[in-house]
Amino acid sequence: MDEIVTAFLAGFGAHLAVRSVVAVDVNLPTLEDFRITDSRRMLGAVARRTGRRVPDGG
């Protein structure tokens, strides 16, 4: 079960990270910030769950 949660976090975090760079959102100024913040949070959780060092020090 832990592997499924970790895979979901990795997939969704990567999706948000890519969308924060690629997507053009008109009249939604905070959506890019949300994508960046949550992708970092999710990918940081993946790093902690897999025993890797978190770049932000978290």
Protein backbone atom coordinates (compact mmCIF):
# COMPACT_ATOMS: atom_id res chain seq x y z
CA MET A 1 0.00 0.00 0.00
CA ASP A 2 2.87 2.39 0.77
CA GLU A 3 4.25 1.88 -2.73
CA ILE A 4 0.91 2.89 -4.25
CA VAL A 5 0.75 6.10 -2.20
CA THR A 6 4.36 6.92 -3.04
CA ALA A 7 3.74 6.31 -6.76
CA PHE A 8 0.64 8.53 -6.66
CA LEU A 9 2.56 11.33 -4.93
CA ALA A 10 5.40 11.04 -7.44
CA GLY A 11 3.08 11.06 -10.44
CA PHE A 12 0.89 13.89 -9.29
CA GLY A 13 3.83 15.95 -8.02
CA ALA A 14 5.63 15.54 -11.35
CA HIS A 15 2.47 16.47 -13.22
CA LEU A 16 2.08 19.68 -11.22
CA ALA A 17 5.76 20.52 -11.72
CA VAL A 18 5.50 20.13 -15.49
CA ARG A 19 2.22 22.07 -15.65
CA SER A 20 3.74 24.94 -13.66
CA VAL A 21 6.26 25.41 -16.47
CA VAL A 22 4.16 24.55 -19.54
CA ALA A 23 0.61 25.73 -18.83
CA VAL A 24 -0.63 29.20 -19.72
CA ASP A 25 -3.41 30.17 -17.32
CA VAL A 26 -5.20 33.40 -18.15
CA ASN A 27 -6.58 35.42 -15.21
CA LEU A 28 -5.50 32.84 -12.64
CA PRO A 29 -2.41 34.41 -11.03
CA THR A 30 -2.22 32.09 -8.02
CA LEU A 31 -2.61 28.79 -9.88
CA GLU A 32 1.06 28.68 -10.91
CA ASP A 33 2.14 29.37 -7.32
CA PHE A 34 -0.16 26.57 -6.13
CA ARG A 35 1.34 24.14 -8.65
CA ILE A 36 4.90 25.02 -7.66
CA THR A 37 4.25 24.85 -3.92
CA ASP A 38 2.31 21.60 -4.00
CA SER A 39 4.65 19.87 -6.44
CA ARG A 40 7.57 20.67 -4.11
CA ARG A 41 5.57 19.42 -1.14
CA MET A 42 4.58 16.16 -2.86
CA LEU A 43 8.01 15.46 -4.34
CA GLY A 44 9.56 16.20 -0.94
CA ALA A 45 7.24 13.61 0.59
CA VAL A 46 8.33 11.11 -2.07
CA ALA A 47 11.97 11.81 -1.23
CA ARG A 48 11.35 11.28 2.48
CA ARG A 49 9.32 8.10 1.87
CA THR A 50 12.07 6.63 -0.30
CA GLY A 51 14.94 7.68 1.99
CA ARG A 52 16.41 10.28 -0.32
CA ARG A 53 17.73 13.67 0.72
CA VAL A 54 15.22 16.51 0.29
CA PRO A 55 16.84 19.43 -1.62
CA ASP A 56 15.02 22.08 0.44
CA GLY A 57 16.34 20.57 3.65
CA GLY A 58 12.85 19.48 4.78
